[in-house]
N, C-alpha and C. Protein backbone atom coordinates (compact mmCIF):
# COMPACT_ATOMS: atom_id res chain seq x y z
N MET A 1 -85.25 32.21 47.04
CA MET A 1 -84.97 32.43 45.55
C MET A 1 -85.30 33.89 45.20
N ASN A 2 -84.44 34.27 44.32
CA ASN A 2 -84.57 35.77 43.80
C ASN A 2 -85.82 35.84 42.96
N THR A 3 -86.55 36.83 43.19
CA THR A 3 -87.71 37.12 42.29
C THR A 3 -87.33 37.97 41.13
N PRO A 4 -88.20 38.09 40.15
CA PRO A 4 -87.76 38.96 38.99
C PRO A 4 -87.54 40.49 39.49
N ALA A 5 -88.44 40.93 40.53
CA ALA A 5 -88.21 42.26 40.86
C ALA A 5 -86.94 42.40 41.66
N SER A 6 -86.52 41.50 42.44
CA SER A 6 -85.31 41.58 43.19
C SER A 6 -84.06 41.59 42.35
N GLU A 7 -84.11 40.69 41.24
CA GLU A 7 -83.05 40.60 40.24
C GLU A 7 -83.03 41.93 39.55
N SER A 8 -84.05 42.66 39.11
CA SER A 8 -83.97 43.80 38.28
C SER A 8 -83.53 44.86 39.27
N LEU A 9 -83.81 44.92 40.49
CA LEU A 9 -83.34 46.01 41.41
C LEU A 9 -81.82 45.87 41.57
N ALA A 10 -81.42 44.54 41.73
CA ALA A 10 -79.94 44.37 41.98
C ALA A 10 -79.13 44.73 40.69
N LEU A 11 -79.62 44.45 39.52
CA LEU A 11 -78.99 44.83 38.28
C LEU A 11 -78.99 46.39 38.12
N GLN A 12 -80.19 47.01 38.43
CA GLN A 12 -80.27 48.50 38.36
C GLN A 12 -79.16 49.15 39.27
N SER A 13 -79.03 48.52 40.55
CA SER A 13 -78.00 49.05 41.46
C SER A 13 -76.60 48.93 40.86
N LEU A 14 -76.35 47.80 40.24
CA LEU A 14 -75.03 47.54 39.66
C LEU A 14 -74.75 48.48 38.55
N ALA A 15 -75.84 48.80 37.70
CA ALA A 15 -75.71 49.76 36.59
C ALA A 15 -75.25 51.24 37.23
N LEU A 16 -75.88 51.65 38.39
CA LEU A 16 -75.53 52.88 38.95
C LEU A 16 -74.08 52.91 39.42
N ARG A 17 -73.63 51.79 39.94
CA ARG A 17 -72.34 51.65 40.50
C ARG A 17 -71.20 51.72 39.30
N LEU A 18 -71.59 51.14 38.10
CA LEU A 18 -70.75 51.19 37.12
C LEU A 18 -70.71 52.60 36.52
N GLU A 19 -71.89 53.23 36.48
CA GLU A 19 -71.92 54.62 36.10
C GLU A 19 -71.04 55.60 36.88
N ALA A 20 -71.16 55.32 38.16
CA ALA A 20 -70.15 56.10 39.16
C ALA A 20 -68.82 55.76 38.84
N GLN A 21 -68.36 54.59 38.57
CA GLN A 21 -66.99 54.20 38.21
C GLN A 21 -66.60 54.83 36.84
N ASP A 22 -67.57 55.10 35.86
CA ASP A 22 -67.19 55.59 34.62
C ASP A 22 -66.95 57.08 34.88
N ALA A 23 -67.58 57.76 35.75
CA ALA A 23 -67.42 59.17 36.11
C ALA A 23 -66.04 59.32 36.77
N LYS A 24 -65.37 58.29 37.38
CA LYS A 24 -64.14 58.54 37.96
C LYS A 24 -63.01 58.33 37.06
N LEU A 25 -63.36 57.78 35.86
CA LEU A 25 -62.25 57.52 34.82
C LEU A 25 -61.66 58.86 34.34
N PRO A 26 -60.41 58.87 33.87
CA PRO A 26 -59.83 60.03 33.28
C PRO A 26 -60.66 60.59 32.23
N ALA A 27 -60.94 61.84 31.95
CA ALA A 27 -61.59 62.45 30.90
C ALA A 27 -60.82 62.35 29.62
N MET A 28 -61.41 62.15 28.52
CA MET A 28 -60.77 62.13 27.18
C MET A 28 -60.13 63.45 26.86
N THR A 29 -60.80 64.55 27.43
CA THR A 29 -60.22 65.78 27.12
C THR A 29 -59.00 66.22 28.01
N SER A 30 -58.88 65.40 29.00
CA SER A 30 -57.65 65.79 29.94
C SER A 30 -57.11 64.45 30.39
N LEU A 31 -56.30 63.88 29.45
CA LEU A 31 -55.64 62.65 29.65
C LEU A 31 -54.47 62.66 30.69
N PRO A 32 -54.37 61.72 31.50
CA PRO A 32 -53.19 61.78 32.48
C PRO A 32 -51.75 61.67 31.76
N THR A 33 -50.86 62.55 32.28
CA THR A 33 -49.52 62.40 31.69
C THR A 33 -48.50 62.26 32.69
N ARG A 34 -48.75 62.38 34.12
CA ARG A 34 -47.69 62.22 35.10
C ARG A 34 -47.97 61.03 35.91
N LEU A 35 -46.83 60.35 36.29
CA LEU A 35 -46.94 59.21 37.08
C LEU A 35 -47.80 59.32 38.32
N ALA A 36 -47.77 60.44 38.97
CA ALA A 36 -48.49 60.72 40.14
C ALA A 36 -50.07 60.49 39.98
N GLU A 37 -50.51 60.66 38.71
CA GLU A 37 -51.89 60.38 38.29
C GLU A 37 -52.40 58.93 38.42
N ALA A 38 -51.18 58.10 38.43
CA ALA A 38 -51.55 56.67 38.47
C ALA A 38 -51.99 56.24 39.85
N THR A 39 -51.94 57.13 40.85
CA THR A 39 -52.51 56.62 42.23
C THR A 39 -54.00 56.62 42.17
N ALA A 40 -54.61 57.57 41.54
CA ALA A 40 -56.12 57.47 41.45
C ALA A 40 -56.46 56.35 40.48
N VAL A 41 -55.70 56.07 39.45
CA VAL A 41 -56.06 54.98 38.55
C VAL A 41 -55.92 53.66 39.31
N GLY A 42 -54.80 53.54 40.07
CA GLY A 42 -54.60 52.19 40.86
C GLY A 42 -55.81 51.99 41.83
N ARG A 43 -56.19 53.12 42.53
CA ARG A 43 -57.38 52.97 43.38
C ARG A 43 -58.59 52.52 42.73
N GLN A 44 -58.91 53.01 41.52
CA GLN A 44 -60.01 52.54 40.70
C GLN A 44 -59.85 51.15 40.23
N ILE A 45 -58.64 50.77 39.91
CA ILE A 45 -58.47 49.28 39.61
C ILE A 45 -58.92 48.37 40.78
N THR A 46 -58.55 48.88 42.02
CA THR A 46 -58.84 48.14 43.20
C THR A 46 -60.37 47.98 43.27
N GLU A 47 -61.07 49.28 43.23
CA GLU A 47 -62.51 49.19 43.29
C GLU A 47 -63.22 48.32 42.29
N LEU A 48 -62.72 48.40 41.01
CA LEU A 48 -63.31 47.53 40.05
C LEU A 48 -63.00 46.15 40.32
N GLY A 49 -61.92 45.76 40.93
CA GLY A 49 -61.60 44.38 41.27
C GLY A 49 -62.53 43.91 42.32
N HIS A 50 -62.96 44.75 43.24
CA HIS A 50 -63.87 44.45 44.32
C HIS A 50 -65.28 44.07 43.59
N LEU A 51 -65.59 44.97 42.72
CA LEU A 51 -66.80 44.82 41.93
C LEU A 51 -66.99 43.50 41.18
N ILE A 52 -65.75 43.14 40.48
CA ILE A 52 -65.72 41.88 39.77
C ILE A 52 -65.98 40.74 40.74
N THR A 53 -65.25 40.82 41.94
CA THR A 53 -65.43 39.77 42.86
C THR A 53 -66.93 39.54 43.28
N GLU A 54 -67.55 40.74 43.53
CA GLU A 54 -69.05 40.65 43.83
C GLU A 54 -69.83 39.96 42.74
N MET A 55 -69.57 40.42 41.50
CA MET A 55 -70.22 39.66 40.38
C MET A 55 -69.98 38.31 40.40
N GLY A 56 -68.80 37.83 40.55
CA GLY A 56 -68.41 36.42 40.69
C GLY A 56 -69.22 35.66 41.58
N GLN A 57 -69.42 36.35 42.78
CA GLN A 57 -70.11 35.69 43.76
C GLN A 57 -71.64 35.72 43.47
N ALA A 58 -72.12 36.72 42.78
CA ALA A 58 -73.57 36.78 42.42
C ALA A 58 -73.75 35.65 41.38
N ILE A 59 -72.94 35.44 40.52
CA ILE A 59 -72.99 34.27 39.51
C ILE A 59 -73.16 33.04 40.23
N GLU A 60 -72.14 32.69 41.10
CA GLU A 60 -72.01 31.48 41.92
C GLU A 60 -73.47 31.30 42.65
N ALA A 61 -73.91 32.25 43.33
CA ALA A 61 -75.18 32.09 44.10
C ALA A 61 -76.32 31.78 43.28
N ARG A 62 -76.38 32.39 42.00
CA ARG A 62 -77.54 32.17 41.16
C ARG A 62 -77.58 30.83 40.40
N VAL A 63 -76.45 30.30 40.09
CA VAL A 63 -76.39 29.02 39.31
C VAL A 63 -76.32 27.81 40.18
N ALA A 64 -76.22 28.12 41.63
CA ALA A 64 -76.17 27.04 42.61
C ALA A 64 -77.54 26.30 42.72
N VAL A 65 -78.71 27.00 42.26
CA VAL A 65 -79.95 26.52 42.36
C VAL A 65 -80.33 25.66 41.23
N ASP A 66 -80.96 24.53 41.32
CA ASP A 66 -81.28 23.62 40.27
C ASP A 66 -82.77 23.27 40.36
N PRO A 67 -83.62 23.64 39.43
CA PRO A 67 -83.23 24.30 38.08
C PRO A 67 -83.11 25.72 38.26
N VAL A 68 -82.40 26.49 37.49
CA VAL A 68 -82.27 27.96 37.58
C VAL A 68 -83.54 28.59 36.87
N PRO A 69 -84.26 29.38 37.60
CA PRO A 69 -85.35 30.15 36.96
C PRO A 69 -84.72 30.98 35.76
N GLU A 70 -85.57 31.17 34.77
CA GLU A 70 -85.14 31.96 33.56
C GLU A 70 -84.69 33.37 33.77
N HIS A 71 -85.41 33.99 34.84
CA HIS A 71 -84.95 35.45 35.18
C HIS A 71 -83.59 35.26 35.86
N VAL A 72 -83.38 34.31 36.60
CA VAL A 72 -82.18 34.30 37.48
C VAL A 72 -80.95 34.01 36.47
N LEU A 73 -81.24 33.04 35.55
CA LEU A 73 -80.27 32.56 34.56
C LEU A 73 -79.80 33.81 33.66
N ARG A 74 -80.85 34.63 33.35
CA ARG A 74 -80.58 35.80 32.55
C ARG A 74 -79.72 36.84 33.28
N ALA A 75 -79.96 36.85 34.64
CA ALA A 75 -79.28 37.82 35.48
C ALA A 75 -77.81 37.35 35.60
N ALA A 76 -77.65 35.95 35.84
CA ALA A 76 -76.31 35.49 35.96
C ALA A 76 -75.51 35.60 34.64
N TRP A 77 -76.12 35.46 33.48
CA TRP A 77 -75.48 35.54 32.27
C TRP A 77 -74.96 37.06 32.10
N THR A 78 -75.98 38.06 32.49
CA THR A 78 -75.54 39.42 32.39
C THR A 78 -74.32 39.83 33.34
N TYR A 79 -74.36 39.13 34.58
CA TYR A 79 -73.24 39.49 35.39
C TYR A 79 -71.90 38.97 34.87
N GLY A 80 -71.92 37.77 34.16
CA GLY A 80 -70.87 37.32 33.52
C GLY A 80 -70.31 38.36 32.37
N GLU A 81 -71.23 38.79 31.59
CA GLU A 81 -70.84 39.82 30.54
C GLU A 81 -70.25 41.02 31.06
N VAL A 82 -70.93 41.45 32.26
CA VAL A 82 -70.61 42.77 32.81
C VAL A 82 -69.16 42.50 33.57
N ALA A 83 -68.93 41.37 34.13
CA ALA A 83 -67.60 41.09 34.71
C ALA A 83 -66.56 41.17 33.67
N ASP A 84 -66.87 40.59 32.52
CA ASP A 84 -65.84 40.50 31.44
C ASP A 84 -65.61 41.85 30.90
N ARG A 85 -66.58 42.73 30.80
CA ARG A 85 -66.38 44.20 30.34
C ARG A 85 -65.64 44.92 31.31
N THR A 86 -65.88 44.70 32.65
CA THR A 86 -65.25 45.33 33.79
C THR A 86 -63.69 44.93 33.79
N GLY A 87 -63.55 43.69 33.47
CA GLY A 87 -62.21 43.20 33.44
C GLY A 87 -61.45 43.89 32.31
N GLN A 88 -62.13 44.12 31.16
CA GLN A 88 -61.36 44.81 30.14
C GLN A 88 -61.15 46.24 30.50
N THR A 89 -61.99 46.86 31.28
CA THR A 89 -61.77 48.21 31.89
C THR A 89 -60.46 48.19 32.63
N VAL A 90 -60.32 47.13 33.56
CA VAL A 90 -59.19 47.00 34.49
C VAL A 90 -57.95 46.89 33.65
N SER A 91 -58.06 45.97 32.69
CA SER A 91 -56.89 45.85 31.79
C SER A 91 -56.41 47.08 31.05
N ALA A 92 -57.43 47.94 30.67
CA ALA A 92 -57.02 49.18 30.06
C ALA A 92 -56.41 50.14 31.11
N LEU A 93 -56.90 50.05 32.27
CA LEU A 93 -56.32 50.94 33.28
C LEU A 93 -54.84 50.53 33.70
N GLY A 94 -54.67 49.16 33.60
CA GLY A 94 -53.34 48.66 33.85
C GLY A 94 -52.45 49.27 32.72
N ALA A 95 -52.79 49.15 31.47
CA ALA A 95 -52.08 49.59 30.40
C ALA A 95 -51.77 51.10 30.55
N LEU A 96 -52.79 51.84 31.10
CA LEU A 96 -52.62 53.24 31.30
C LEU A 96 -51.54 53.62 32.23
N THR A 97 -51.50 52.87 33.38
CA THR A 97 -50.47 52.97 34.42
C THR A 97 -49.08 52.63 33.93
N ASP A 98 -49.11 51.51 33.20
CA ASP A 98 -47.79 51.14 32.52
C ASP A 98 -47.16 52.24 31.67
N GLN A 99 -48.00 52.85 30.85
CA GLN A 99 -47.46 53.89 29.90
C GLN A 99 -47.22 55.16 30.76
N LEU A 100 -47.86 55.50 31.75
CA LEU A 100 -47.65 56.68 32.71
C LEU A 100 -46.11 56.40 33.29
N ALA A 101 -45.83 55.22 33.60
CA ALA A 101 -44.35 54.92 34.04
C ALA A 101 -43.43 55.06 32.99
N THR A 102 -43.81 54.74 31.70
CA THR A 102 -42.92 54.98 30.51
C THR A 102 -42.66 56.47 30.35
N LEU A 103 -43.77 57.20 30.36
CA LEU A 103 -43.50 58.76 30.22
C LEU A 103 -42.62 59.24 31.21
N SER A 104 -42.81 58.75 32.49
CA SER A 104 -42.01 59.24 33.63
C SER A 104 -40.70 58.98 33.46
N HIS A 105 -40.36 57.72 33.05
CA HIS A 105 -38.97 57.19 32.78
C HIS A 105 -38.29 57.81 31.66
N LEU A 106 -38.99 57.96 30.53
CA LEU A 106 -38.35 58.56 29.35
C LEU A 106 -38.39 60.08 29.07
N GLY A 107 -39.30 60.67 29.92
CA GLY A 107 -39.48 62.10 29.81
C GLY A 107 -38.20 62.97 29.77
N PRO A 108 -37.31 62.65 30.84
CA PRO A 108 -35.97 63.33 30.81
C PRO A 108 -35.04 63.22 29.61
N LEU A 109 -35.35 62.14 28.80
CA LEU A 109 -34.49 61.80 27.69
C LEU A 109 -35.09 62.46 26.41
N ARG A 110 -36.14 63.25 26.58
CA ARG A 110 -36.78 63.78 25.34
C ARG A 110 -35.83 64.42 24.50
N GLY A 111 -36.05 64.30 23.23
CA GLY A 111 -35.19 64.98 22.20
C GLY A 111 -34.46 63.98 21.34
N ARG A 112 -34.23 62.84 21.79
CA ARG A 112 -33.72 61.70 21.00
C ARG A 112 -34.91 61.10 20.14
N PRO A 113 -34.57 60.81 18.88
CA PRO A 113 -35.63 60.27 18.04
C PRO A 113 -36.28 58.98 18.51
N ASP A 114 -35.46 58.06 19.01
CA ASP A 114 -36.11 56.91 19.57
C ASP A 114 -36.85 57.01 20.76
N VAL A 115 -36.54 57.94 21.63
CA VAL A 115 -37.20 58.26 22.76
C VAL A 115 -38.56 59.04 22.49
N ASP A 116 -38.38 59.97 21.52
CA ASP A 116 -39.62 60.84 21.17
C ASP A 116 -40.69 59.84 20.54
N GLN A 117 -40.21 58.91 19.77
CA GLN A 117 -41.18 57.92 19.24
C GLN A 117 -41.83 57.07 20.37
N ALA A 118 -40.99 56.58 21.29
CA ALA A 118 -41.56 55.86 22.41
C ALA A 118 -42.56 56.60 23.27
N LEU A 119 -42.14 57.93 23.44
CA LEU A 119 -43.03 58.79 24.23
C LEU A 119 -44.41 59.05 23.31
N ALA A 120 -44.23 59.23 22.13
CA ALA A 120 -45.57 59.38 21.20
C ALA A 120 -46.37 58.18 21.36
N THR A 121 -45.73 56.97 21.23
CA THR A 121 -46.56 55.75 21.40
C THR A 121 -47.20 55.49 22.66
N ALA A 122 -46.49 55.89 23.77
CA ALA A 122 -47.07 55.76 25.14
C ALA A 122 -48.25 56.71 25.12
N SER A 123 -48.19 57.95 24.62
CA SER A 123 -49.41 58.78 24.59
C SER A 123 -50.49 58.32 23.79
N GLN A 124 -50.28 57.61 22.80
CA GLN A 124 -51.38 57.05 21.96
C GLN A 124 -51.99 55.76 22.74
N VAL A 125 -51.20 55.06 23.42
CA VAL A 125 -51.62 53.92 24.20
C VAL A 125 -52.55 54.42 25.37
N ILE A 126 -52.14 55.49 25.97
CA ILE A 126 -52.89 56.14 27.06
C ILE A 126 -54.27 56.50 26.56
N ASP A 127 -54.26 57.22 25.42
CA ASP A 127 -55.48 57.62 24.66
C ASP A 127 -56.41 56.48 24.47
N GLU A 128 -55.93 55.38 23.91
CA GLU A 128 -56.72 54.28 23.57
C GLU A 128 -57.17 53.57 24.77
N ALA A 129 -56.44 53.54 25.82
CA ALA A 129 -56.73 52.90 27.02
C ALA A 129 -57.90 53.52 27.73
N VAL A 130 -57.76 54.81 27.89
CA VAL A 130 -58.87 55.64 28.41
C VAL A 130 -60.21 55.47 27.67
N SER A 131 -60.10 55.52 26.29
CA SER A 131 -61.29 55.30 25.44
C SER A 131 -61.88 53.90 25.60
N THR A 132 -61.03 52.92 25.62
CA THR A 132 -61.50 51.58 25.98
C THR A 132 -62.15 51.41 27.30
N ALA A 133 -61.59 51.99 28.37
CA ALA A 133 -62.09 51.86 29.65
C ALA A 133 -63.62 52.53 29.63
N HIS A 134 -63.73 53.71 29.15
CA HIS A 134 -65.10 54.34 29.08
C HIS A 134 -65.97 53.50 28.17
N SER A 135 -65.63 53.08 27.11
CA SER A 135 -66.48 52.20 26.15
C SER A 135 -66.98 50.94 26.79
N GLU A 136 -65.97 50.20 27.53
CA GLU A 136 -66.40 49.04 28.05
C GLU A 136 -67.47 49.13 29.22
N LEU A 137 -67.32 50.22 30.06
CA LEU A 137 -68.20 50.44 31.01
C LEU A 137 -69.54 50.81 30.53
N THR A 138 -69.57 51.59 29.49
CA THR A 138 -70.71 52.02 28.78
C THR A 138 -71.61 50.88 28.19
N LYS A 139 -70.82 49.96 27.60
CA LYS A 139 -71.36 48.72 27.09
C LYS A 139 -71.95 47.74 28.09
N ALA A 140 -71.25 47.79 29.32
CA ALA A 140 -71.72 46.99 30.30
C ALA A 140 -72.97 47.57 30.93
N GLY A 141 -73.11 48.87 30.96
CA GLY A 141 -74.39 49.51 31.48
C GLY A 141 -75.56 49.31 30.59
N ARG A 142 -75.15 49.27 29.27
CA ARG A 142 -76.30 49.00 28.29
C ARG A 142 -76.83 47.63 28.37
N SER A 143 -75.76 46.71 28.58
CA SER A 143 -76.12 45.28 28.74
C SER A 143 -77.15 45.08 29.97
N ILE A 144 -76.76 45.80 31.01
CA ILE A 144 -77.60 45.58 32.22
C ILE A 144 -79.04 46.12 31.97
N LEU A 145 -79.12 47.28 31.37
CA LEU A 145 -80.40 47.86 31.14
C LEU A 145 -81.34 47.09 30.11
N THR A 146 -80.52 46.35 29.16
CA THR A 146 -81.27 45.45 28.27
C THR A 146 -81.91 44.32 29.12
N THR A 147 -81.05 43.75 30.07
CA THR A 147 -81.56 42.63 30.70
C THR A 147 -82.66 43.01 31.75
N VAL A 148 -82.53 44.19 32.30
CA VAL A 148 -83.65 44.67 33.24
C VAL A 148 -84.90 44.89 32.49
N SER A 149 -84.75 45.38 31.22
CA SER A 149 -86.00 45.53 30.51
C SER A 149 -86.73 44.25 30.05
N ILE A 150 -85.91 43.18 29.76
CA ILE A 150 -86.38 41.93 29.40
C ILE A 150 -87.01 41.28 30.65
N ILE A 151 -86.35 41.34 31.70
CA ILE A 151 -86.92 40.70 32.95
C ILE A 151 -88.22 41.41 33.36
N ASP A 152 -88.12 42.78 33.29
CA ASP A 152 -89.40 43.41 33.61
C ASP A 152 -90.64 43.19 32.75
N THR A 153 -90.33 43.09 31.51
CA THR A 153 -91.34 42.87 30.53
C THR A 153 -91.91 41.53 30.66
N GLN A 154 -91.10 40.50 30.77
CA GLN A 154 -91.59 39.09 31.04
C GLN A 154 -92.34 39.07 32.38
N GLN A 155 -91.85 39.75 33.45
CA GLN A 155 -92.70 39.72 34.62
C GLN A 155 -94.15 40.37 34.47
N ALA A 156 -94.10 41.50 33.68
CA ALA A 156 -95.48 42.19 33.46
C ALA A 156 -96.28 41.11 32.68
N ARG A 157 -95.78 40.31 31.65
CA ARG A 157 -96.54 39.47 30.97
C ARG A 157 -97.21 38.32 31.79
N VAL A 158 -96.19 37.88 32.72
CA VAL A 158 -96.64 36.87 33.66
C VAL A 158 -97.82 37.37 34.54
N GLU A 159 -97.68 38.61 35.04
CA GLU A 159 -98.76 39.24 35.83
C GLU A 159 -100.02 39.30 35.07
N ALA A 160 -99.83 39.84 33.85
CA ALA A 160 -101.00 40.10 33.08
C ALA A 160 -101.70 38.73 32.74
N ALA A 161 -100.95 37.57 32.53
CA ALA A 161 -101.62 36.20 32.26
C ALA A 161 -102.21 35.85 33.54
N ARG A 162 -101.57 36.07 34.62
CA ARG A 162 -102.33 35.70 35.94
C ARG A 162 -103.57 36.37 36.16
N ALA A 163 -103.60 37.73 35.88
CA ALA A 163 -104.79 38.50 35.97
C ALA A 163 -105.87 38.06 35.12
N HIS A 164 -105.43 37.69 33.94
CA HIS A 164 -106.36 37.20 32.87
C HIS A 164 -106.86 35.97 33.24
N SER A 165 -106.15 35.01 33.82
CA SER A 165 -106.52 33.66 34.19
C SER A 165 -107.57 33.75 35.31
N THR A 166 -107.50 34.67 36.25
CA THR A 166 -108.30 34.82 37.45
C THR A 166 -109.77 35.38 36.97
N GLY A 167 -109.64 36.23 35.83
CA GLY A 167 -110.88 36.78 35.28
C GLY A 167 -111.41 35.94 34.15
N ALA A 168 -110.96 34.72 33.86
CA ALA A 168 -111.41 33.91 32.81
C ALA A 168 -112.70 33.40 33.07
N LEU A 169 -113.50 33.14 32.07
CA LEU A 169 -114.82 32.52 32.19
C LEU A 169 -114.73 31.12 32.74
N PRO A 170 -115.68 30.76 33.57
CA PRO A 170 -115.72 29.40 34.01
C PRO A 170 -115.91 28.35 32.87
N ARG A 171 -115.47 27.14 33.07
CA ARG A 171 -115.58 26.07 32.01
C ARG A 171 -117.07 25.83 31.79
N SER A 172 -117.97 25.94 32.66
CA SER A 172 -119.49 25.63 32.31
C SER A 172 -120.12 26.71 31.51
N GLU A 173 -119.44 27.89 31.30
CA GLU A 173 -120.03 28.90 30.32
C GLU A 173 -119.96 28.37 28.91
N PRO A 174 -121.03 28.71 28.14
CA PRO A 174 -120.99 28.33 26.75
C PRO A 174 -119.86 28.98 25.98
N PHE A 175 -119.45 28.23 24.88
CA PHE A 175 -118.37 28.82 24.07
C PHE A 175 -118.87 30.13 23.47
N THR A 176 -118.09 31.19 23.48
CA THR A 176 -118.31 32.55 22.94
C THR A 176 -117.14 32.98 22.10
N MET A 177 -117.28 33.94 21.27
CA MET A 177 -116.27 34.45 20.38
C MET A 177 -115.25 35.21 21.31
N THR A 178 -115.58 35.70 22.53
CA THR A 178 -114.62 36.32 23.41
C THR A 178 -113.57 35.25 23.81
N ALA A 179 -114.10 34.03 24.16
CA ALA A 179 -113.18 33.06 24.78
C ALA A 179 -112.31 32.52 23.60
N ALA A 180 -112.74 32.46 22.35
CA ALA A 180 -112.04 32.18 21.19
C ALA A 180 -110.89 33.11 20.90
N VAL A 181 -111.10 34.38 21.03
CA VAL A 181 -110.20 35.51 20.75
C VAL A 181 -109.18 35.43 21.84
N ALA A 182 -109.63 35.14 23.12
CA ALA A 182 -108.68 35.27 24.19
C ALA A 182 -107.56 34.04 24.21
N ALA A 183 -108.04 32.96 23.71
CA ALA A 183 -107.15 31.74 23.70
C ALA A 183 -105.77 31.88 23.07
N PRO A 184 -105.71 32.52 21.81
CA PRO A 184 -104.29 32.70 21.31
C PRO A 184 -103.39 33.67 22.21
N VAL A 185 -104.12 34.60 22.74
CA VAL A 185 -103.29 35.73 23.52
C VAL A 185 -102.64 34.85 24.67
N SER A 186 -103.43 34.12 25.41
CA SER A 186 -102.86 33.27 26.53
C SER A 186 -101.67 32.35 25.96
N LEU A 187 -101.84 31.83 24.88
CA LEU A 187 -100.86 30.82 24.36
C LEU A 187 -99.48 31.56 24.16
N SER A 188 -99.70 32.81 23.45
CA SER A 188 -98.51 33.58 23.19
C SER A 188 -97.85 34.10 24.40
N LEU A 189 -98.60 34.32 25.49
CA LEU A 189 -97.89 34.61 26.78
C LEU A 189 -97.15 33.62 27.38
N THR A 190 -97.71 32.38 27.19
CA THR A 190 -97.08 31.15 27.74
C THR A 190 -95.77 30.93 26.97
N ARG A 191 -95.82 30.99 25.65
CA ARG A 191 -94.74 30.71 24.84
C ARG A 191 -93.47 31.71 25.13
N SER A 192 -93.95 33.03 25.52
CA SER A 192 -92.79 34.02 25.69
C SER A 192 -92.16 33.97 26.98
N ARG A 193 -92.53 33.14 27.93
CA ARG A 193 -92.00 33.13 29.26
C ARG A 193 -90.76 32.48 29.21
C-alpha cells in the first residue's frame, strides 16, 4: 500500500516532469511559424501521451485497493485532473501543428484577401494554442502542489496525534484541566483525517 510519504513524493516527481514539459513548449515571444517546427511539437505530443498513459496506470493501481485510503484516493483524483489538463495540452499542440500545416500550404498564395484572412486566423490559433498549452500545464502543476500540501499536512496531523496519544496521561490519573483542554484538540485531529 502506498504511504502518504510515497504518494507525496510521486506527485512531486510528476510536478517536476510537467515543469520540464512546460519548458519545452514554444515560447509566447517566439511562436512557431514553419512546418519544420512541428517536428519538435510532435515529439512533445508523444512524450505527453506517454505521461498520460503513466497517469492512467497510476489511477488504475490506486483504485484497485478496497477500501481506498484517503491519501491514495486524493492522489488518484489528482492524477485524473492532471491527465485531463495534460490532454488539453496535447489537444492544443495538435491544433498548433494543424495550423502550421495551414501556414505552409497557404503561404505561397499570400496576397489574396481570403488567403490572408486564413493566414491571420491560423496565426491567431497558434497563439491561442501555445497559450493554452502553457496554461494547462501550469494549472496541473498547481493542482499537484495543492494535493501534496494537503497530504503532507494530514500526515503531520496524524503523526502529531500519535505522538500526543503516546504521551497522554494514563486513565488512572485524576481528572485535570490539562486533560480537559487536550480533549478537544484530539477530537479536531480525528475529524480532519
